PDB file of all heavy atoms in Angstrom:
ATOM      1  N   ASP A   1       6.038   0.895  -4.920  1.00  0.00           N
ATOM      2  CA  ASP A   1       6.486  -0.404  -5.446  1.00  0.00           C
ATOM      3  C   ASP A   1       7.668  -0.959  -4.710  1.00  0.00           C
ATOM      4  O   ASP A   1       7.732  -2.134  -4.335  1.00  0.00           O
ATOM      5  CB  ASP A   1       6.794  -0.304  -6.946  1.00  0.00           C
ATOM      6  CG  ASP A   1       5.550  -0.048  -7.786  1.00  0.00           C
ATOM      7  OD1 ASP A   1       4.420  -0.370  -7.318  1.00  0.00           O
ATOM      8  OD2 ASP A   1       5.676   0.556  -8.847  1.00  0.00           O
ATOM      9  N   ARG A   2       8.702  -0.066  -4.470  1.00  0.00           N
ATOM     10  CA  ARG A   2       9.892  -0.495  -3.740  1.00  0.00           C
ATOM     11  C   ARG A   2       9.585  -0.978  -2.333  1.00  0.00           C
ATOM     12  O   ARG A   2      10.024  -2.038  -1.901  1.00  0.00           O
ATOM     13  CB  ARG A   2      10.931   0.638  -3.707  1.00  0.00           C
ATOM     14  CG  ARG A   2      11.758   0.804  -4.946  1.00  0.00           C
ATOM     15  CD  ARG A   2      12.919   1.758  -4.735  1.00  0.00           C
ATOM     16  NE  ARG A   2      12.486   3.081  -4.314  1.00  0.00           N
ATOM     17  CZ  ARG A   2      12.162   4.046  -5.165  1.00  0.00           C
ATOM     18  NH1 ARG A   2      12.180   3.852  -6.483  1.00  0.00           N
ATOM     19  NH2 ARG A   2      11.753   5.268  -4.747  1.00  0.00           N
ATOM     20  N   GLN A   3       8.789  -0.170  -1.578  1.00  0.00           N
ATOM     21  CA  GLN A   3       8.467  -0.508  -0.239  1.00  0.00           C
ATOM     22  C   GLN A   3       7.629  -1.819  -0.124  1.00  0.00           C
ATOM     23  O   GLN A   3       7.861  -2.619   0.732  1.00  0.00           O
ATOM     24  CB  GLN A   3       7.740   0.614   0.452  1.00  0.00           C
ATOM     25  CG  GLN A   3       8.654   1.804   0.788  1.00  0.00           C
ATOM     26  CD  GLN A   3       7.926   2.849   1.595  1.00  0.00           C
ATOM     27  OE1 GLN A   3       7.174   2.534   2.469  1.00  0.00           O
ATOM     28  NE2 GLN A   3       8.209   4.124   1.331  1.00  0.00           N
ATOM     29  N   ARG A   4       6.674  -1.936  -1.049  1.00  0.00           N
ATOM     30  CA  ARG A   4       5.845  -3.125  -1.049  1.00  0.00           C
ATOM     31  C   ARG A   4       6.691  -4.395  -1.345  1.00  0.00           C
ATOM     32  O   ARG A   4       6.532  -5.447  -0.706  1.00  0.00           O
ATOM     33  CB  ARG A   4       4.717  -3.002  -2.070  1.00  0.00           C
ATOM     34  CG  ARG A   4       3.737  -4.150  -2.020  1.00  0.00           C
ATOM     35  CD  ARG A   4       2.549  -3.933  -2.942  1.00  0.00           C
ATOM     36  NE  ARG A   4       1.806  -5.171  -3.024  1.00  0.00           N
ATOM     37  CZ  ARG A   4       2.004  -6.091  -3.919  1.00  0.00           C
ATOM     38  NH1 ARG A   4       2.977  -5.995  -4.827  1.00  0.00           N
ATOM     39  NH2 ARG A   4       1.297  -7.242  -3.924  1.00  0.00           N
ATOM     40  N   LYS A   5       7.547  -4.276  -2.316  1.00  0.00           N
ATOM     41  CA  LYS A   5       8.422  -5.411  -2.703  1.00  0.00           C
ATOM     42  C   LYS A   5       9.278  -5.879  -1.492  1.00  0.00           C
ATOM     43  O   LYS A   5       9.533  -7.068  -1.328  1.00  0.00           O
ATOM     44  CB  LYS A   5       9.325  -5.008  -3.849  1.00  0.00           C
ATOM     45  CG  LYS A   5      10.100  -6.181  -4.491  1.00  0.00           C
ATOM     46  CD  LYS A   5      10.951  -5.736  -5.612  1.00  0.00           C
ATOM     47  CE  LYS A   5      10.237  -6.076  -6.890  1.00  0.00           C
ATOM     48  NZ  LYS A   5      11.034  -5.738  -8.107  1.00  0.00           N
ATOM     49  N   ARG A   6       9.700  -4.925  -0.677  1.00  0.00           N
ATOM     50  CA  ARG A   6      10.522  -5.250   0.503  1.00  0.00           C
ATOM     51  C   ARG A   6       9.699  -5.538   1.741  1.00  0.00           C
ATOM     52  O   ARG A   6      10.230  -5.664   2.851  1.00  0.00           O
ATOM     53  CB  ARG A   6      11.459  -4.068   0.773  1.00  0.00           C
ATOM     54  CG  ARG A   6      12.472  -3.873  -0.364  1.00  0.00           C
ATOM     55  CD  ARG A   6      13.351  -2.644  -0.177  1.00  0.00           C
ATOM     56  NE  ARG A   6      14.043  -2.635   1.091  1.00  0.00           N
ATOM     57  CZ  ARG A   6      14.486  -1.517   1.680  1.00  0.00           C
ATOM     58  NH1 ARG A   6      14.315  -0.356   1.160  1.00  0.00           N
ATOM     59  NH2 ARG A   6      15.094  -1.590   2.850  1.00  0.00           N
ATOM     60  N   SER A   7       8.361  -5.670   1.575  1.00  0.00           N
ATOM     61  CA  SER A   7       7.427  -5.959   2.645  1.00  0.00           C
ATOM     62  C   SER A   7       7.440  -4.923   3.741  1.00  0.00           C
ATOM     63  O   SER A   7       7.276  -5.208   4.918  1.00  0.00           O
ATOM     64  CB  SER A   7       7.677  -7.341   3.252  1.00  0.00           C
ATOM     65  OG  SER A   7       7.514  -8.332   2.283  1.00  0.00           O
ATOM     66  N   LEU A   8       7.715  -3.646   3.347  1.00  0.00           N
ATOM     67  CA  LEU A   8       7.714  -2.570   4.336  1.00  0.00           C
ATOM     68  C   LEU A   8       6.345  -1.937   4.503  1.00  0.00           C
ATOM     69  O   LEU A   8       6.068  -1.199   5.408  1.00  0.00           O
ATOM     70  CB  LEU A   8       8.695  -1.495   3.910  1.00  0.00           C
ATOM     71  CG  LEU A   8      10.175  -1.950   3.880  1.00  0.00           C
ATOM     72  CD1 LEU A   8      11.068  -0.839   3.314  1.00  0.00           C
ATOM     73  CD2 LEU A   8      10.651  -2.361   5.266  1.00  0.00           C
ATOM     74  N   VAL A   9       5.440  -2.246   3.576  1.00  0.00           N
ATOM     75  CA  VAL A   9       4.064  -1.756   3.629  1.00  0.00           C
ATOM     76  C   VAL A   9       3.235  -2.812   4.318  1.00  0.00           C
ATOM     77  O   VAL A   9       3.040  -3.898   3.794  1.00  0.00           O
ATOM     78  CB  VAL A   9       3.518  -1.411   2.259  1.00  0.00           C
ATOM     79  CG1 VAL A   9       2.091  -0.910   2.349  1.00  0.00           C
ATOM     80  CG2 VAL A   9       4.388  -0.473   1.490  1.00  0.00           C
ATOM     81  N   THR A  10       2.767  -2.477   5.497  1.00  0.00           N
ATOM     82  CA  THR A  10       1.979  -3.468   6.279  1.00  0.00           C
ATOM     83  C   THR A  10       0.675  -2.833   6.774  1.00  0.00           C
ATOM     84  O   THR A  10       0.540  -1.640   6.926  1.00  0.00           O
ATOM     85  CB  THR A  10       2.771  -3.950   7.503  1.00  0.00           C
ATOM     86  OG1 THR A  10       3.106  -2.869   8.343  1.00  0.00           O
ATOM     87  CG2 THR A  10       4.040  -4.690   7.104  1.00  0.00           C
ATOM     88  N   CYS A  11      -0.309  -3.711   7.008  1.00  0.00           N
ATOM     89  CA  CYS A  11      -1.602  -3.260   7.498  1.00  0.00           C
ATOM     90  C   CYS A  11      -1.462  -2.811   8.944  1.00  0.00           C
ATOM     91  O   CYS A  11      -0.896  -3.511   9.783  1.00  0.00           O
ATOM     92  CB  CYS A  11      -2.565  -4.463   7.443  1.00  0.00           C
ATOM     93  SG  CYS A  11      -4.176  -4.101   8.198  1.00  0.00           S
ATOM     94  N   PRO A  12      -1.987  -1.615   9.254  1.00  0.00           N
ATOM     95  CA  PRO A  12      -1.894  -1.128  10.649  1.00  0.00           C
ATOM     96  C   PRO A  12      -2.803  -1.904  11.604  1.00  0.00           C
ATOM     97  O   PRO A  12      -2.596  -1.843  12.817  1.00  0.00           O
ATOM     98  CB  PRO A  12      -2.335   0.342  10.528  1.00  0.00           C
ATOM     99  CG  PRO A  12      -3.168   0.404   9.297  1.00  0.00           C
ATOM    100  CD  PRO A  12      -2.627  -0.671   8.386  1.00  0.00           C
ATOM    101  N   VAL A  13      -3.741  -2.690  11.132  1.00  0.00           N
ATOM    102  CA  VAL A  13      -4.641  -3.417  11.973  1.00  0.00           C
ATOM    103  C   VAL A  13      -4.078  -4.788  12.317  1.00  0.00           C
ATOM    104  O   VAL A  13      -4.024  -5.163  13.496  1.00  0.00           O
ATOM    105  CB  VAL A  13      -6.048  -3.565  11.292  1.00  0.00           C
ATOM    106  CG1 VAL A  13      -6.964  -4.424  12.147  1.00  0.00           C
ATOM    107  CG2 VAL A  13      -6.638  -2.220  11.020  1.00  0.00           C
ATOM    108  N   CYS A  14      -3.624  -5.554  11.277  1.00  0.00           N
ATOM    109  CA  CYS A  14      -3.186  -6.925  11.531  1.00  0.00           C
ATOM    110  C   CYS A  14      -1.684  -7.169  11.198  1.00  0.00           C
ATOM    111  O   CYS A  14      -1.193  -8.282  11.359  1.00  0.00           O
ATOM    112  CB  CYS A  14      -4.065  -7.902  10.756  1.00  0.00           C
ATOM    113  SG  CYS A  14      -3.903  -7.737   8.972  1.00  0.00           S
ATOM    114  N   ALA A  15      -1.052  -6.145  10.699  1.00  0.00           N
ATOM    115  CA  ALA A  15       0.412  -6.182  10.339  1.00  0.00           C
ATOM    116  C   ALA A  15       0.727  -7.097   9.144  1.00  0.00           C
ATOM    117  O   ALA A  15       1.859  -7.402   8.891  1.00  0.00           O
ATOM    118  CB  ALA A  15       1.261  -6.622  11.545  1.00  0.00           C
ATOM    119  N   SER A  16      -0.284  -7.476   8.396  1.00  0.00           N
ATOM    120  CA  SER A  16      -0.020  -8.293   7.195  1.00  0.00           C
ATOM    121  C   SER A  16       0.697  -7.466   6.144  1.00  0.00           C
ATOM    122  O   SER A  16       0.428  -6.297   5.929  1.00  0.00           O
ATOM    123  CB  SER A  16      -1.386  -8.780   6.627  1.00  0.00           C
ATOM    124  OG  SER A  16      -1.142  -9.386   5.382  1.00  0.00           O
ATOM    125  N   ALA A  17       1.678  -8.085   5.503  1.00  0.00           N
ATOM    126  CA  ALA A  17       2.406  -7.402   4.462  1.00  0.00           C
ATOM    127  C   ALA A  17       1.791  -7.756   3.058  1.00  0.00           C
ATOM    128  O   ALA A  17       2.295  -7.276   2.049  1.00  0.00           O
ATOM    129  CB  ALA A  17       3.904  -7.799   4.477  1.00  0.00           C
ATOM    130  N   LYS A  18       0.744  -8.526   3.024  1.00  0.00           N
ATOM    131  CA  LYS A  18       0.074  -8.875   1.833  1.00  0.00           C
ATOM    132  C   LYS A  18      -0.977  -7.790   1.509  1.00  0.00           C
ATOM    133  O   LYS A  18      -2.152  -7.952   1.912  1.00  0.00           O
ATOM    134  CB  LYS A  18      -0.580 -10.236   1.890  1.00  0.00           C
ATOM    135  CG  LYS A  18       0.384 -11.388   2.042  1.00  0.00           C
ATOM    136  CD  LYS A  18      -0.291 -12.719   2.199  1.00  0.00           C
ATOM    137  CE  LYS A  18       0.763 -13.811   2.409  1.00  0.00           C
ATOM    138  NZ  LYS A  18       0.091 -15.111   2.653  1.00  0.00           N
ATOM    139  N   VAL A  19      -0.561  -6.671   0.880  1.00  0.00           N
ATOM    140  CA  VAL A  19      -1.401  -5.574   0.633  1.00  0.00           C
ATOM    141  C   VAL A  19      -1.508  -5.290  -0.845  1.00  0.00           C
ATOM    142  O   VAL A  19      -0.543  -5.596  -1.602  1.00  0.00           O
ATOM    143  CB  VAL A  19      -0.973  -4.274   1.340  1.00  0.00           C
ATOM    144  CG1 VAL A  19      -1.041  -4.477   2.863  1.00  0.00           C
ATOM    145  CG2 VAL A  19       0.420  -3.867   0.935  1.00  0.00           C
ATOM    146  N   GLU A  20      -2.592  -4.728  -1.299  1.00  0.00           N
ATOM    147  CA  GLU A  20      -2.838  -4.356  -2.683  1.00  0.00           C
ATOM    148  C   GLU A  20      -3.516  -3.032  -2.747  1.00  0.00           C
ATOM    149  O   GLU A  20      -4.215  -2.621  -1.786  1.00  0.00           O
ATOM    150  CB  GLU A  20      -3.739  -5.418  -3.380  1.00  0.00           C
ATOM    151  CG  GLU A  20      -3.178  -6.800  -3.504  1.00  0.00           C
ATOM    152  CD  GLU A  20      -1.985  -6.907  -4.466  1.00  0.00           C
ATOM    153  OE1 GLU A  20      -1.989  -6.122  -5.456  1.00  0.00           O
ATOM    154  OE2 GLU A  20      -1.132  -7.758  -4.248  1.00  0.00           O
ATOM    155  N   LYS A  21      -3.298  -2.295  -3.832  1.00  0.00           N
ATOM    156  CA  LYS A  21      -4.033  -1.085  -4.052  1.00  0.00           C
ATOM    157  C   LYS A  21      -5.509  -1.390  -4.295  1.00  0.00           C
ATOM    158  O   LYS A  21      -5.839  -2.399  -4.880  1.00  0.00           O
ATOM    159  CB  LYS A  21      -3.517  -0.313  -5.329  1.00  0.00           C
ATOM    160  CG  LYS A  21      -2.125   0.169  -5.190  1.00  0.00           C
ATOM    161  CD  LYS A  21      -1.787   0.876  -6.515  1.00  0.00           C
ATOM    162  CE  LYS A  21      -0.272   0.983  -6.694  1.00  0.00           C
ATOM    163  NZ  LYS A  21       0.067   1.482  -8.018  1.00  0.00           N
ATOM    164  N   THR A  22      -6.401  -0.531  -3.785  1.00  0.00           N
ATOM    165  CA  THR A  22      -7.810  -0.668  -4.038  1.00  0.00           C
ATOM    166  C   THR A  22      -8.187   0.252  -5.171  1.00  0.00           C
ATOM    167  O   THR A  22      -7.453   1.181  -5.527  1.00  0.00           O
ATOM    168  CB  THR A  22      -8.653  -0.392  -2.832  1.00  0.00           C
ATOM    169  OG1 THR A  22      -8.502   1.011  -2.474  1.00  0.00           O
ATOM    170  CG2 THR A  22      -8.276  -1.250  -1.624  1.00  0.00           C
ATOM    171  N   ILE A  23      -9.414   0.025  -5.708  1.00  0.00           N
ATOM    172  CA  ILE A  23      -9.929   0.939  -6.726  1.00  0.00           C
ATOM    173  C   ILE A  23     -10.212   2.269  -6.041  1.00  0.00           C
ATOM    174  O   ILE A  23     -10.825   2.255  -4.972  1.00  0.00           O
ATOM    175  CB  ILE A  23     -11.243   0.390  -7.310  1.00  0.00           C
ATOM    176  CG1 ILE A  23     -11.005  -0.981  -7.950  1.00  0.00           C
ATOM    177  CG2 ILE A  23     -11.802   1.364  -8.323  1.00  0.00           C
ATOM    178  CD1 ILE A  23     -10.350  -0.975  -9.263  1.00  0.00           C
ATOM    179  N   MET A  24      -9.740   3.369  -6.567  1.00  0.00           N
ATOM    180  CA  MET A  24      -9.946   4.635  -5.962  1.00  0.00           C
ATOM    181  C   MET A  24     -10.029   5.703  -7.000  1.00  0.00           C
ATOM    182  O   MET A  24      -9.634   5.482  -8.156  1.00  0.00           O
ATOM    183  CB  MET A  24      -8.850   4.942  -4.943  1.00  0.00           C
ATOM    184  CG  MET A  24      -7.457   4.951  -5.538  1.00  0.00           C
ATOM    185  SD  MET A  24      -6.204   5.210  -4.299  1.00  0.00           S
ATOM    186  CE  MET A  24      -4.764   5.354  -5.257  1.00  0.00           C
ATOM    187  N   ALA A  25     -10.444   6.876  -6.582  1.00  0.00           N
ATOM    188  CA  ALA A  25     -10.466   8.068  -7.459  1.00  0.00           C
ATOM    189  C   ALA A  25      -9.383   8.988  -7.006  1.00  0.00           C
ATOM    190  O   ALA A  25      -9.568   9.827  -6.195  1.00  0.00           O
ATOM    191  CB  ALA A  25     -11.826   8.762  -7.399  1.00  0.00           C
ATOM    192  N   PRO A  26      -8.146   8.791  -7.503  1.00  0.00           N
ATOM    193  CA  PRO A  26      -7.004   9.569  -7.013  1.00  0.00           C
ATOM    194  C   PRO A  26      -6.923  10.960  -7.598  1.00  0.00           C
ATOM    195  O   PRO A  26      -7.652  11.337  -8.512  1.00  0.00           O
ATOM    196  CB  PRO A  26      -5.832   8.741  -7.498  1.00  0.00           C
ATOM    197  CG  PRO A  26      -6.325   7.784  -8.501  1.00  0.00           C
ATOM    198  CD  PRO A  26      -7.829   7.739  -8.397  1.00  0.00           C
ATOM    199  N   ALA A  27      -6.067  11.786  -7.059  1.00  0.00           N
ATOM    200  CA  ALA A  27      -5.864  13.163  -7.455  1.00  0.00           C
ATOM    201  C   ALA A  27      -4.534  13.315  -8.115  1.00  0.00           C
ATOM    202  O   ALA A  27      -3.546  12.775  -7.672  1.00  0.00           O
ATOM    203  CB  ALA A  27      -5.944  14.097  -6.228  1.00  0.00           C
ATOM    204  N   LEU A  28      -4.472  14.101  -9.219  1.00  0.00           N
ATOM    205  CA  LEU A  28      -3.236  14.352  -9.957  1.00  0.00           C
ATOM    206  C   LEU A  28      -2.675  15.681  -9.524  1.00  0.00           C
ATOM    207  O   LEU A  28      -3.402  16.651  -9.458  1.00  0.00           O
ATOM    208  CB  LEU A  28      -3.474  14.278 -11.449  1.00  0.00           C
ATOM    209  CG  LEU A  28      -2.321  14.542 -12.323  1.00  0.00           C
ATOM    210  CD1 LEU A  28      -1.266  13.472 -12.181  1.00  0.00           C
ATOM    211  CD2 LEU A  28      -2.768  14.558 -13.815  1.00  0.00           C
ATOM    212  N   GLY A  29      -1.412  15.748  -9.337  1.00  0.00           N
ATOM    213  CA  GLY A  29      -0.784  17.032  -9.037  1.00  0.00           C
ATOM    214  C   GLY A  29      -0.344  17.146  -7.600  1.00  0.00           C
ATOM    215  O   GLY A  29      -0.704  16.344  -6.767  1.00  0.00           O
ATOM    216  N   HIS A  30       0.406  18.197  -7.354  1.00  0.00           N
ATOM    217  CA  HIS A  30       0.945  18.354  -5.947  1.00  0.00           C
ATOM    218  C   HIS A  30       0.253  19.518  -5.275  1.00  0.00           C
ATOM    219  O   HIS A  30       0.525  19.801  -4.121  1.00  0.00           O
ATOM    220  CB  HIS A  30       2.401  18.529  -5.975  1.00  0.00           C
ATOM    221  CG  HIS A  30       2.891  19.734  -6.839  1.00  0.00           C
ATOM    222  ND1 HIS A  30       2.021  20.669  -7.341  1.00  0.00           N
ATOM    223  CD2 HIS A  30       4.127  20.111  -7.209  1.00  0.00           C
ATOM    224  CE1 HIS A  30       2.731  21.575  -8.038  1.00  0.00           C
ATOM    225  NE2 HIS A  30       3.995  21.247  -7.979  1.00  0.00           N
TER     226      HIS A  30
END
């Protein structure tokens, strides 16, 4: 959230900072 708010998360293909989480099946735990 912090990095996205500061536009530090960018697309590696087009460098767009307009990114969103996609629907995914994530894993819990380390």
